[in-house]
Amino acid sequence: HAVVLSPDNRFLFVPDLGTDQIKIYKVDAAKGMFTPNDPPFATVKAGLGPRHFTFGRGAKFAYTLCEMGSSVAVFSYNPIKGSLTPVQTISNLPSDFKGEDNSAEIEVDRSGRFLYASNRGNDSITVFAIDPTKGTLTQVQVVPTQGNIPRNFALDPTGNYLIAANQKSSNMVVFSVDQKDGKLKPAGQVLDIPSPVDILFVPAE
């Protein structure tokens, strides 16, 4: 479901939903090739289905969003070996939610203090605080996205806003980000966009 390069471009990480693994490859930039790393993968709990992957600030820790298990798996990262060591697995759903859910997107804010994960089915975004020493997560907030099937979201370059893309309800909703606790609040702007599935900020000319 994704391919993510390490910050130093030496390793490639590929979350594989079907095998419950994050495949790890060595990158040979000179030859334009990659080969299986040693170790060649990291594993999440059976049935969780890793979907997307991201590094925390400083790349001491990495996080994968598990689609089928609606959770985030936390790993410590060894940049020399390119290896991932499991640290924590935490649900990104409200504790009282009983319906069907498929998690979708994950992103760490530019300060490295907060992690965001979207939930399809529950139609929400979960905010986690990141422990700077351990890399572990604590749930701070679960906020409705004011739409259906938030397949994607993106934090803007300033870090002050988050835009949620609700695929099934065909709208994009703007949230303000509280810089103190990472919490989201609707900013009052809803855009009608046919089936939005991905958001990308690009430099303005």
N, C-alpha and C. Protein backbone atom coordinates (compact mmCIF):
# COMPACT_ATOMS: atom_id res chain seq x y z
N HIS A 1 0.80 -1.21 0.00
CA HIS A 1 0.00 0.00 0.00
C HIS A 1 0.84 1.27 0.00
N ALA A 2 2.15 1.15 0.25
CA ALA A 2 3.00 2.34 0.28
C ALA A 2 4.45 1.93 0.13
N VAL A 3 5.28 2.88 -0.28
CA VAL A 3 6.73 2.71 -0.26
C VAL A 3 7.32 3.98 0.35
N VAL A 4 8.21 3.82 1.34
CA VAL A 4 8.75 4.96 2.07
C VAL A 4 10.26 4.81 2.19
N LEU A 5 11.00 5.82 1.76
CA LEU A 5 12.45 5.83 1.91
C LEU A 5 12.83 6.32 3.30
N SER A 6 13.92 5.77 3.84
CA SER A 6 14.46 6.29 5.09
C SER A 6 14.98 7.70 4.84
N PRO A 7 15.10 8.52 5.88
CA PRO A 7 15.55 9.90 5.68
C PRO A 7 16.91 10.01 4.99
N ASP A 8 17.77 9.01 5.15
CA ASP A 8 19.07 9.05 4.50
C ASP A 8 19.08 8.34 3.14
N ASN A 9 17.90 7.88 2.71
CA ASN A 9 17.74 7.23 1.39
C ASN A 9 18.51 5.91 1.25
N ARG A 10 18.87 5.29 2.37
CA ARG A 10 19.62 4.04 2.31
C ARG A 10 18.72 2.80 2.33
N PHE A 11 17.49 2.97 2.84
CA PHE A 11 16.59 1.83 2.97
C PHE A 11 15.19 2.21 2.47
N LEU A 12 14.49 1.19 1.98
CA LEU A 12 13.12 1.36 1.49
C LEU A 12 12.20 0.46 2.31
N PHE A 13 11.08 1.02 2.77
CA PHE A 13 10.13 0.29 3.61
C PHE A 13 8.79 0.17 2.89
N VAL A 14 8.28 -1.06 2.84
CA VAL A 14 7.06 -1.35 2.09
C VAL A 14 6.07 -2.11 2.98
N PRO A 15 5.06 -1.42 3.54
CA PRO A 15 4.04 -2.13 4.31
C PRO A 15 3.23 -3.06 3.41
N ASP A 16 3.17 -4.33 3.79
CA ASP A 16 2.49 -5.36 3.01
C ASP A 16 1.30 -5.88 3.81
N LEU A 17 0.12 -5.41 3.44
CA LEU A 17 -1.10 -5.74 4.19
C LEU A 17 -1.35 -7.24 4.25
N GLY A 18 -1.08 -7.95 3.15
CA GLY A 18 -1.42 -9.36 3.08
C GLY A 18 -0.54 -10.27 3.92
N THR A 19 0.71 -9.85 4.18
CA THR A 19 1.62 -10.70 4.95
C THR A 19 1.83 -10.21 6.38
N ASP A 20 1.21 -9.08 6.74
CA ASP A 20 1.41 -8.47 8.06
C ASP A 20 2.88 -8.15 8.31
N GLN A 21 3.56 -7.70 7.28
CA GLN A 21 4.98 -7.36 7.38
C GLN A 21 5.26 -5.99 6.78
N ILE A 22 6.32 -5.38 7.27
CA ILE A 22 6.91 -4.22 6.59
C ILE A 22 8.18 -4.72 5.94
N LYS A 23 8.17 -4.84 4.62
CA LYS A 23 9.34 -5.31 3.89
C LYS A 23 10.42 -4.22 3.93
N ILE A 24 11.69 -4.65 4.06
CA ILE A 24 12.80 -3.70 4.15
C ILE A 24 13.82 -4.03 3.06
N TYR A 25 14.21 -3.01 2.31
CA TYR A 25 15.17 -3.19 1.21
C TYR A 25 16.34 -2.23 1.36
N LYS A 26 17.53 -2.69 0.96
CA LYS A 26 18.68 -1.81 0.83
C LYS A 26 18.60 -1.09 -0.51
N VAL A 27 18.94 0.18 -0.51
CA VAL A 27 18.90 0.96 -1.75
C VAL A 27 20.32 1.19 -2.26
N ASP A 28 20.55 0.85 -3.50
CA ASP A 28 21.82 1.14 -4.18
C ASP A 28 21.54 2.28 -5.16
N ALA A 29 21.81 3.51 -4.70
CA ALA A 29 21.47 4.68 -5.51
C ALA A 29 22.30 4.73 -6.80
N ALA A 30 23.55 4.29 -6.72
CA ALA A 30 24.42 4.35 -7.89
C ALA A 30 23.91 3.46 -9.01
N LYS A 31 23.40 2.30 -8.66
CA LYS A 31 22.90 1.36 -9.66
C LYS A 31 21.40 1.50 -9.92
N GLY A 32 20.73 2.31 -9.08
CA GLY A 32 19.29 2.46 -9.23
C GLY A 32 18.56 1.16 -8.92
N MET A 33 19.05 0.41 -7.91
CA MET A 33 18.48 -0.89 -7.58
C MET A 33 18.25 -1.00 -6.08
N PHE A 34 17.41 -1.95 -5.68
CA PHE A 34 17.28 -2.27 -4.27
C PHE A 34 17.19 -3.79 -4.09
N THR A 35 17.69 -4.25 -2.93
CA THR A 35 17.74 -5.68 -2.62
C THR A 35 17.23 -5.90 -1.20
N PRO A 36 16.75 -7.11 -0.88
CA PRO A 36 16.26 -7.37 0.48
C PRO A 36 17.32 -7.08 1.53
N ASN A 37 16.90 -6.43 2.59
CA ASN A 37 17.79 -6.11 3.69
C ASN A 37 17.98 -7.34 4.58
N ASP A 38 18.89 -7.23 5.52
CA ASP A 38 19.05 -8.24 6.56
C ASP A 38 18.97 -7.54 7.91
N PRO A 39 17.81 -7.62 8.61
CA PRO A 39 16.64 -8.46 8.33
C PRO A 39 15.79 -7.92 7.17
N PRO A 40 15.07 -8.82 6.46
CA PRO A 40 14.31 -8.40 5.28
C PRO A 40 12.92 -7.84 5.58
N PHE A 41 12.47 -7.95 6.83
CA PHE A 41 11.14 -7.43 7.16
C PHE A 41 10.98 -7.30 8.67
N ALA A 42 9.95 -6.53 9.06
CA ALA A 42 9.48 -6.47 10.45
C ALA A 42 8.03 -6.92 10.43
N THR A 43 7.55 -7.45 11.54
CA THR A 43 6.21 -8.06 11.57
C THR A 43 5.30 -7.34 12.56
N VAL A 44 4.02 -7.19 12.18
CA VAL A 44 3.00 -6.72 13.11
C VAL A 44 2.16 -7.92 13.54
N LYS A 45 1.29 -7.72 14.50
CA LYS A 45 0.44 -8.80 14.98
C LYS A 45 -0.42 -9.34 13.85
N ALA A 46 -0.62 -10.65 13.84
CA ALA A 46 -1.35 -11.31 12.76
C ALA A 46 -2.73 -10.71 12.56
N GLY A 47 -3.06 -10.42 11.30
CA GLY A 47 -4.38 -9.92 10.96
C GLY A 47 -4.55 -8.42 11.01
N LEU A 48 -3.52 -7.68 11.44
CA LEU A 48 -3.66 -6.22 11.55
C LEU A 48 -3.60 -5.53 10.19
N GLY A 49 -2.79 -6.05 9.27
CA GLY A 49 -2.75 -5.50 7.92
C GLY A 49 -2.13 -4.12 7.82
N PRO A 50 -0.78 -4.02 7.85
CA PRO A 50 -0.14 -2.70 7.74
C PRO A 50 -0.42 -2.03 6.40
N ARG A 51 -0.75 -0.75 6.43
CA ARG A 51 -1.16 -0.02 5.21
C ARG A 51 -0.18 1.09 4.85
N HIS A 52 0.01 2.04 5.76
CA HIS A 52 0.90 3.16 5.50
C HIS A 52 1.97 3.26 6.59
N PHE A 53 3.06 3.97 6.30
CA PHE A 53 4.25 3.95 7.14
C PHE A 53 4.88 5.34 7.16
N THR A 54 5.39 5.74 8.33
CA THR A 54 6.05 7.04 8.42
C THR A 54 7.09 7.03 9.53
N PHE A 55 8.06 7.93 9.43
CA PHE A 55 9.07 8.09 10.48
C PHE A 55 8.69 9.25 11.39
N GLY A 56 9.10 9.14 12.66
CA GLY A 56 8.99 10.27 13.57
C GLY A 56 10.15 11.23 13.34
N ARG A 57 10.09 12.36 13.99
CA ARG A 57 11.16 13.36 13.83
C ARG A 57 12.48 12.78 14.34
N GLY A 58 13.54 12.93 13.55
CA GLY A 58 14.83 12.40 13.92
C GLY A 58 15.00 10.94 13.56
N ALA A 59 13.93 10.29 13.11
CA ALA A 59 13.94 8.90 12.64
C ALA A 59 14.43 7.91 13.69
N LYS A 60 14.24 8.22 14.97
CA LYS A 60 14.54 7.23 16.01
C LYS A 60 13.42 6.19 16.10
N PHE A 61 12.22 6.61 15.67
CA PHE A 61 11.06 5.72 15.72
C PHE A 61 10.30 5.78 14.40
N ALA A 62 9.58 4.70 14.12
CA ALA A 62 8.76 4.63 12.91
C ALA A 62 7.38 4.09 13.30
N TYR A 63 6.39 4.43 12.46
CA TYR A 63 5.01 4.10 12.77
C TYR A 63 4.31 3.56 11.53
N THR A 64 3.56 2.48 11.72
CA THR A 64 2.78 1.96 10.60
C THR A 64 1.31 1.90 11.00
N LEU A 65 0.45 2.37 10.11
CA LEU A 65 -0.99 2.31 10.35
C LEU A 65 -1.52 0.98 9.84
N CYS A 66 -2.22 0.25 10.70
CA CYS A 66 -2.75 -1.06 10.34
C CYS A 66 -4.22 -0.92 9.96
N GLU A 67 -4.52 -1.22 8.70
CA GLU A 67 -5.86 -1.02 8.16
C GLU A 67 -6.89 -1.96 8.78
N MET A 68 -6.58 -3.25 8.79
CA MET A 68 -7.56 -4.24 9.23
C MET A 68 -7.76 -4.23 10.74
N GLY A 69 -6.69 -3.93 11.47
CA GLY A 69 -6.76 -3.94 12.93
C GLY A 69 -7.00 -2.58 13.54
N SER A 70 -7.16 -1.55 12.69
CA SER A 70 -7.44 -0.19 13.17
C SER A 70 -6.53 0.19 14.34
N SER A 71 -5.23 0.13 14.09
CA SER A 71 -4.27 0.42 15.14
C SER A 71 -2.99 0.98 14.53
N VAL A 72 -2.14 1.51 15.40
CA VAL A 72 -0.83 1.99 14.99
C VAL A 72 0.23 1.14 15.68
N ALA A 73 1.17 0.59 14.89
CA ALA A 73 2.28 -0.16 15.44
C ALA A 73 3.51 0.74 15.47
N VAL A 74 4.16 0.78 16.63
CA VAL A 74 5.32 1.64 16.85
C VAL A 74 6.59 0.78 16.84
N PHE A 75 7.63 1.27 16.17
CA PHE A 75 8.91 0.57 16.11
C PHE A 75 10.04 1.53 16.46
N SER A 76 11.07 1.01 17.12
CA SER A 76 12.32 1.76 17.19
C SER A 76 13.11 1.44 15.92
N TYR A 77 13.88 2.40 15.44
CA TYR A 77 14.57 2.25 14.15
C TYR A 77 16.07 2.33 14.33
N ASN A 78 16.77 1.35 13.74
CA ASN A 78 18.22 1.35 13.72
C ASN A 78 18.68 1.80 12.34
N PRO A 79 19.20 3.02 12.20
CA PRO A 79 19.55 3.55 10.88
C PRO A 79 20.78 2.90 10.27
N ILE A 80 21.58 2.22 11.08
CA ILE A 80 22.76 1.54 10.55
C ILE A 80 22.36 0.22 9.89
N LYS A 81 21.53 -0.56 10.58
CA LYS A 81 21.10 -1.87 10.07
C LYS A 81 19.83 -1.78 9.22
N GLY A 82 19.11 -0.67 9.34
CA GLY A 82 17.83 -0.57 8.64
C GLY A 82 16.77 -1.45 9.25
N SER A 83 16.90 -1.75 10.54
CA SER A 83 15.98 -2.69 11.20
C SER A 83 14.94 -1.98 12.05
N LEU A 84 13.80 -2.64 12.23
CA LEU A 84 12.70 -2.14 13.04
C LEU A 84 12.44 -3.09 14.20
N THR A 85 12.35 -2.56 15.42
CA THR A 85 12.06 -3.36 16.61
C THR A 85 10.73 -2.93 17.20
N PRO A 86 9.76 -3.87 17.37
CA PRO A 86 8.44 -3.51 17.90
C PRO A 86 8.53 -2.88 19.29
N VAL A 87 7.74 -1.82 19.49
CA VAL A 87 7.69 -1.11 20.77
C VAL A 87 6.28 -1.11 21.35
N GLN A 88 5.27 -0.87 20.50
CA GLN A 88 3.90 -0.70 20.99
C GLN A 88 2.92 -0.91 19.85
N THR A 89 1.73 -1.41 20.17
CA THR A 89 0.60 -1.41 19.25
C THR A 89 -0.59 -0.82 19.99
N ILE A 90 -1.21 0.22 19.42
CA ILE A 90 -2.29 0.94 20.10
C ILE A 90 -3.45 1.18 19.14
N SER A 91 -4.67 1.00 19.64
CA SER A 91 -5.86 1.24 18.83
C SER A 91 -6.00 2.71 18.49
N ASN A 92 -6.49 3.00 17.27
CA ASN A 92 -6.77 4.39 16.92
C ASN A 92 -8.27 4.64 16.79
N LEU A 93 -9.06 3.82 17.50
CA LEU A 93 -10.50 3.98 17.54
C LEU A 93 -10.96 4.45 18.92
N PRO A 94 -12.13 5.09 19.01
CA PRO A 94 -12.69 5.39 20.32
C PRO A 94 -12.93 4.08 21.08
N SER A 95 -12.77 4.10 22.38
CA SER A 95 -12.87 2.88 23.18
C SER A 95 -14.25 2.23 23.10
N ASP A 96 -15.29 3.02 22.80
CA ASP A 96 -16.66 2.47 22.78
C ASP A 96 -17.16 2.18 21.37
N PHE A 97 -16.28 2.28 20.35
CA PHE A 97 -16.73 2.05 18.98
C PHE A 97 -16.82 0.55 18.69
N LYS A 98 -17.96 0.12 18.12
CA LYS A 98 -18.20 -1.31 17.87
C LYS A 98 -18.40 -1.63 16.39
N GLY A 99 -18.48 -0.64 15.52
CA GLY A 99 -18.79 -0.88 14.11
C GLY A 99 -17.58 -1.33 13.31
N GLU A 100 -17.81 -1.53 12.02
CA GLU A 100 -16.74 -1.91 11.11
C GLU A 100 -15.84 -0.71 10.83
N ASP A 101 -14.54 -0.98 10.76
CA ASP A 101 -13.63 0.14 10.54
C ASP A 101 -12.44 -0.30 9.70
N ASN A 102 -11.96 0.61 8.87
CA ASN A 102 -10.75 0.38 8.08
C ASN A 102 -9.92 1.65 8.12
N SER A 103 -8.81 1.60 8.82
CA SER A 103 -7.98 2.79 8.94
C SER A 103 -7.26 3.08 7.63
N ALA A 104 -6.87 4.35 7.42
CA ALA A 104 -6.37 4.73 6.10
C ALA A 104 -5.02 5.45 6.12
N GLU A 105 -4.96 6.65 6.70
CA GLU A 105 -3.78 7.50 6.54
C GLU A 105 -3.11 7.78 7.88
N ILE A 106 -1.81 8.09 7.80
CA ILE A 106 -1.02 8.39 9.01
C ILE A 106 -0.02 9.49 8.69
N GLU A 107 0.22 10.39 9.66
CA GLU A 107 1.20 11.46 9.46
C GLU A 107 1.67 11.98 10.81
N VAL A 108 2.95 12.28 10.90
CA VAL A 108 3.53 12.91 12.09
C VAL A 108 3.69 14.39 11.79
N ASP A 109 3.34 15.25 12.76
CA ASP A 109 3.45 16.69 12.52
C ASP A 109 4.93 17.10 12.49
N ARG A 110 5.20 18.29 11.99
CA ARG A 110 6.58 18.71 11.76
C ARG A 110 7.36 18.90 13.06
N SER A 111 6.68 19.10 14.18
CA SER A 111 7.37 19.23 15.46
C SER A 111 7.80 17.87 16.01
N GLY A 112 7.17 16.79 15.49
CA GLY A 112 7.47 15.45 15.98
C GLY A 112 6.78 15.12 17.28
N ARG A 113 5.86 15.96 17.72
CA ARG A 113 5.19 15.76 19.01
C ARG A 113 3.86 15.02 18.89
N PHE A 114 3.26 15.06 17.68
CA PHE A 114 1.93 14.49 17.52
C PHE A 114 1.84 13.62 16.27
N LEU A 115 1.02 12.59 16.35
CA LEU A 115 0.76 11.70 15.22
C LEU A 115 -0.74 11.68 14.96
N TYR A 116 -1.11 11.67 13.68
CA TYR A 116 -2.52 11.68 13.27
C TYR A 116 -2.81 10.44 12.43
N ALA A 117 -3.99 9.85 12.63
CA ALA A 117 -4.39 8.66 11.87
C ALA A 117 -5.88 8.73 11.56
N SER A 118 -6.24 8.40 10.31
CA SER A 118 -7.66 8.50 9.93
C SER A 118 -8.34 7.14 9.99
N ASN A 119 -9.64 7.18 10.28
CA ASN A 119 -10.46 5.98 10.43
C ASN A 119 -11.64 6.04 9.47
N ARG A 120 -11.71 5.07 8.57
CA ARG A 120 -12.89 4.94 7.71
C ARG A 120 -13.87 4.01 8.41
N GLY A 121 -15.15 4.35 8.38
CA GLY A 121 -16.15 3.59 9.13
C GLY A 121 -16.54 4.39 10.35
N ASN A 122 -15.57 4.68 11.20
CA ASN A 122 -15.80 5.61 12.30
C ASN A 122 -15.77 7.05 11.80
N ASP A 123 -15.19 7.25 10.61
CA ASP A 123 -15.13 8.57 9.97
C ASP A 123 -14.56 9.63 10.90
N SER A 124 -13.32 9.41 11.29
CA SER A 124 -12.69 10.31 12.25
C SER A 124 -11.18 10.34 12.04
N ILE A 125 -10.54 11.29 12.71
CA ILE A 125 -9.08 11.34 12.78
C ILE A 125 -8.69 11.28 14.25
N THR A 126 -7.77 10.39 14.56
CA THR A 126 -7.29 10.24 15.93
C THR A 126 -5.99 11.00 16.09
N VAL A 127 -5.87 11.73 17.19
CA VAL A 127 -4.67 12.48 17.52
C VAL A 127 -3.95 11.76 18.66
N PHE A 128 -2.66 11.50 18.46
CA PHE A 128 -1.82 10.89 19.49
C PHE A 128 -0.70 11.83 19.88
N ALA A 129 -0.35 11.84 21.17
CA ALA A 129 0.86 12.50 21.62
C ALA A 129 1.99 11.48 21.57
N ILE A 130 3.18 11.92 21.13
CA ILE A 130 4.34 11.05 21.01
C ILE A 130 5.30 11.29 22.17
N ASP A 131 5.66 10.22 22.88
CA ASP A 131 6.67 10.32 23.92
C ASP A 131 8.03 10.51 23.24
N PRO A 132 8.72 11.62 23.49
CA PRO A 132 9.96 11.90 22.75
C PRO A 132 11.10 10.93 23.06
N THR A 133 11.04 10.28 24.22
CA THR A 133 12.10 9.35 24.61
C THR A 133 11.81 7.93 24.18
N LYS A 134 10.58 7.48 24.39
CA LYS A 134 10.21 6.10 24.11
C LYS A 134 9.58 5.91 22.74
N GLY A 135 9.07 7.00 22.15
CA GLY A 135 8.38 6.89 20.86
C GLY A 135 6.96 6.40 20.97
N THR A 136 6.52 6.05 22.16
CA THR A 136 5.18 5.50 22.36
C THR A 136 4.10 6.56 22.21
N LEU A 137 2.86 6.10 21.97
CA LEU A 137 1.73 6.98 21.70
C LEU A 137 0.72 6.96 22.82
N THR A 138 0.09 8.11 23.04
CA THR A 138 -1.04 8.25 23.96
C THR A 138 -2.15 8.96 23.23
N GLN A 139 -3.35 8.35 23.23
CA GLN A 139 -4.47 8.95 22.51
C GLN A 139 -4.91 10.25 23.18
N VAL A 140 -5.03 11.31 22.37
CA VAL A 140 -5.39 12.64 22.86
C VAL A 140 -6.82 13.01 22.47
N GLN A 141 -7.22 12.65 21.24
CA GLN A 141 -8.52 13.08 20.72
C GLN A 141 -8.93 12.21 19.55
N VAL A 142 -10.24 12.00 19.40
CA VAL A 142 -10.81 11.40 18.19
C VAL A 142 -11.87 12.38 17.70
N VAL A 143 -11.64 12.98 16.52
CA VAL A 143 -12.53 14.03 16.03
C VAL A 143 -13.21 13.60 14.73
N PRO A 144 -14.53 13.74 14.61
CA PRO A 144 -15.24 13.41 13.37
C PRO A 144 -14.74 14.28 12.21
N THR A 145 -14.67 13.69 11.02
CA THR A 145 -14.15 14.43 9.85
C THR A 145 -15.25 15.17 9.09
N GLN A 146 -16.48 15.15 9.57
CA GLN A 146 -17.61 15.83 8.94
C GLN A 146 -17.85 15.32 7.52
N GLY A 147 -17.60 14.04 7.35
CA GLY A 147 -17.82 13.42 6.04
C GLY A 147 -17.73 11.92 6.17
N ASN A 148 -17.71 11.24 5.03
CA ASN A 148 -17.74 9.79 5.01
C ASN A 148 -16.51 9.23 4.28
N ILE A 149 -15.82 8.31 4.91
CA ILE A 149 -14.63 7.63 4.39
C ILE A 149 -13.46 8.60 4.20
N PRO A 150 -12.83 9.04 5.31
CA PRO A 150 -11.64 9.90 5.22
C PRO A 150 -10.42 9.09 4.79
N ARG A 151 -10.30 8.88 3.50
CA ARG A 151 -9.23 8.04 2.96
C ARG A 151 -7.86 8.70 3.10
N ASN A 152 -7.85 10.02 3.12
CA ASN A 152 -6.58 10.74 3.16
C ASN A 152 -6.75 12.04 3.93
N PHE A 153 -5.64 12.55 4.44
CA PHE A 153 -5.60 13.90 5.02
C PHE A 153 -4.17 14.40 4.88
N ALA A 154 -3.99 15.69 5.10
CA ALA A 154 -2.63 16.25 5.03
C ALA A 154 -2.54 17.46 5.94
N LEU A 155 -1.40 17.57 6.63
CA LEU A 155 -1.08 18.77 7.38
C LEU A 155 -0.46 19.78 6.43
N ASP A 156 -0.85 21.05 6.55
CA ASP A 156 -0.30 22.05 5.64
C ASP A 156 1.14 22.39 6.06
N PRO A 157 1.93 23.03 5.21
CA PRO A 157 3.35 23.28 5.50
C PRO A 157 3.59 24.10 6.77
N THR A 158 2.62 24.91 7.18
CA THR A 158 2.80 25.70 8.40
C THR A 158 2.57 24.87 9.66
N GLY A 159 1.86 23.75 9.51
CA GLY A 159 1.51 22.93 10.67
C GLY A 159 0.29 23.44 11.42
N ASN A 160 -0.32 24.51 10.92
CA ASN A 160 -1.46 25.11 11.61
C ASN A 160 -2.80 24.53 11.18
N TYR A 161 -2.82 23.82 10.05
CA TYR A 161 -4.08 23.30 9.52
C TYR A 161 -3.93 21.86 9.05
N LEU A 162 -5.01 21.12 9.16
CA LEU A 162 -5.10 19.78 8.61
C LEU A 162 -6.33 19.73 7.72
N ILE A 163 -6.17 19.16 6.53
CA ILE A 163 -7.28 19.03 5.59
C ILE A 163 -7.62 17.56 5.44
N ALA A 164 -8.87 17.20 5.71
CA ALA A 164 -9.33 15.82 5.60
C ALA A 164 -10.09 15.63 4.30
N ALA A 165 -9.73 14.56 3.57
CA ALA A 165 -10.40 14.24 2.30
C ALA A 165 -11.37 13.10 2.52
N ASN A 166 -12.67 13.41 2.48
CA ASN A 166 -13.72 12.41 2.69
C ASN A 166 -14.19 11.87 1.34
N GLN A 167 -13.73 10.68 1.00
CA GLN A 167 -13.95 10.14 -0.34
C GLN A 167 -15.41 9.94 -0.69
N LYS A 168 -16.17 9.27 0.17
CA LYS A 168 -17.53 8.89 -0.19
C LYS A 168 -18.51 10.06 -0.15
N SER A 169 -18.28 11.00 0.77
CA SER A 169 -19.18 12.16 0.85
C SER A 169 -18.72 13.30 -0.05
N SER A 170 -17.60 13.12 -0.76
CA SER A 170 -17.10 14.09 -1.74
C SER A 170 -16.92 15.49 -1.15
N ASN A 171 -16.21 15.55 -0.03
CA ASN A 171 -15.89 16.86 0.53
C ASN A 171 -14.53 16.84 1.21
N MET A 172 -13.93 18.02 1.30
CA MET A 172 -12.68 18.22 2.02
C MET A 172 -12.94 19.23 3.12
N VAL A 173 -12.51 18.88 4.35
CA VAL A 173 -12.82 19.70 5.52
C VAL A 173 -11.53 20.22 6.14
N VAL A 174 -11.49 21.52 6.43
CA VAL A 174 -10.30 22.15 7.01
C VAL A 174 -10.44 22.20 8.53
N PHE A 175 -9.37 21.75 9.23
CA PHE A 175 -9.31 21.81 10.68
C PHE A 175 -8.12 22.67 11.10
N SER A 176 -8.28 23.42 12.17
CA SER A 176 -7.13 24.12 12.76
C SER A 176 -6.46 23.19 13.75
N VAL A 177 -5.15 23.33 13.90
CA VAL A 177 -4.37 22.49 14.79
C VAL A 177 -3.89 23.31 15.98
N ASP A 178 -4.22 22.86 17.19
CA ASP A 178 -3.75 23.52 18.40
C ASP A 178 -2.28 23.14 18.61
N GLN A 179 -1.39 24.10 18.59
CA GLN A 179 0.04 23.82 18.67
C GLN A 179 0.47 23.33 20.05
N LYS A 180 -0.36 23.53 21.05
CA LYS A 180 0.00 23.10 22.41
C LYS A 180 -0.27 21.61 22.64
N ASP A 181 -1.43 21.14 22.18
CA ASP A 181 -1.80 19.75 22.47
C ASP A 181 -2.09 18.92 21.22
N GLY A 182 -1.97 19.53 20.03
CA GLY A 182 -2.17 18.80 18.79
C GLY A 182 -3.62 18.58 18.40
N LYS A 183 -4.56 19.02 19.22
CA LYS A 183 -5.97 18.76 18.97
C LYS A 183 -6.48 19.52 17.74
N LEU A 184 -7.50 18.92 17.11
CA LEU A 184 -8.09 19.49 15.90
C LEU A 184 -9.43 20.14 16.22
N LYS A 185 -9.72 21.23 15.48
CA LYS A 185 -10.99 21.93 15.61
C LYS A 185 -11.43 22.37 14.23
N PRO A 186 -12.70 22.09 13.84
CA PRO A 186 -13.17 22.54 12.53
C PRO A 186 -12.93 24.03 12.33
N ALA A 187 -12.34 24.38 11.18
CA ALA A 187 -12.01 25.78 10.91
C ALA A 187 -13.14 26.51 10.19
N GLY A 188 -14.19 25.78 9.85
CA GLY A 188 -15.35 26.41 9.24
C GLY A 188 -15.37 26.39 7.73
N GLN A 189 -14.43 25.68 7.12
CA GLN A 189 -14.40 25.62 5.65
C GLN A 189 -14.56 24.17 5.19
N VAL A 190 -15.59 23.96 4.35
CA VAL A 190 -15.86 22.65 3.76
C VAL A 190 -15.91 22.83 2.24
N LEU A 191 -15.12 22.06 1.52
CA LEU A 191 -15.05 22.17 0.06
C LEU A 191 -15.69 20.96 -0.59
N ASP A 192 -16.53 21.20 -1.60
CA ASP A 192 -17.14 20.10 -2.35
C ASP A 192 -16.19 19.67 -3.45
N ILE A 193 -15.63 18.47 -3.29
CA ILE A 193 -14.65 17.92 -4.24
C ILE A 193 -15.08 16.48 -4.56
N PRO A 194 -15.26 16.12 -5.84
CA PRO A 194 -15.71 14.76 -6.18
C PRO A 194 -14.71 13.69 -5.74
N SER A 195 -15.10 12.84 -4.82
CA SER A 195 -14.34 11.65 -4.38
C SER A 195 -12.85 11.92 -4.15
N PRO A 196 -12.49 12.84 -3.25
CA PRO A 196 -11.07 13.12 -3.02
C PRO A 196 -10.39 11.93 -2.33
N VAL A 197 -9.22 11.55 -2.84
CA VAL A 197 -8.52 10.40 -2.26
C VAL A 197 -7.07 10.72 -1.86
N ASP A 198 -6.53 11.86 -2.25
CA ASP A 198 -5.16 12.19 -1.87
C ASP A 198 -4.97 13.70 -1.93
N ILE A 199 -4.18 14.22 -0.97
CA ILE A 199 -3.89 15.66 -0.90
C ILE A 199 -2.38 15.82 -0.90
N LEU A 200 -1.89 16.74 -1.70
CA LEU A 200 -0.46 17.02 -1.77
C LEU A 200 -0.23 18.52 -1.85
N PHE A 201 0.57 19.05 -0.94
CA PHE A 201 0.94 20.46 -0.99
C PHE A 201 2.20 20.61 -1.86
N VAL A 202 2.19 21.60 -2.74
CA VAL A 202 3.36 21.84 -3.61
C VAL A 202 3.74 23.32 -3.49
N PRO A 203 5.02 23.64 -3.70
CA PRO A 203 5.44 25.03 -3.61
C PRO A 203 4.74 25.90 -4.64
N ALA A 204 4.37 27.10 -4.23
CA ALA A 204 3.73 28.04 -5.16
C ALA A 204 4.82 28.73 -6.00
N GLU A 205 4.51 28.96 -7.25
CA GLU A 205 5.46 29.66 -8.13
C GLU A 205 5.48 31.15 -7.79
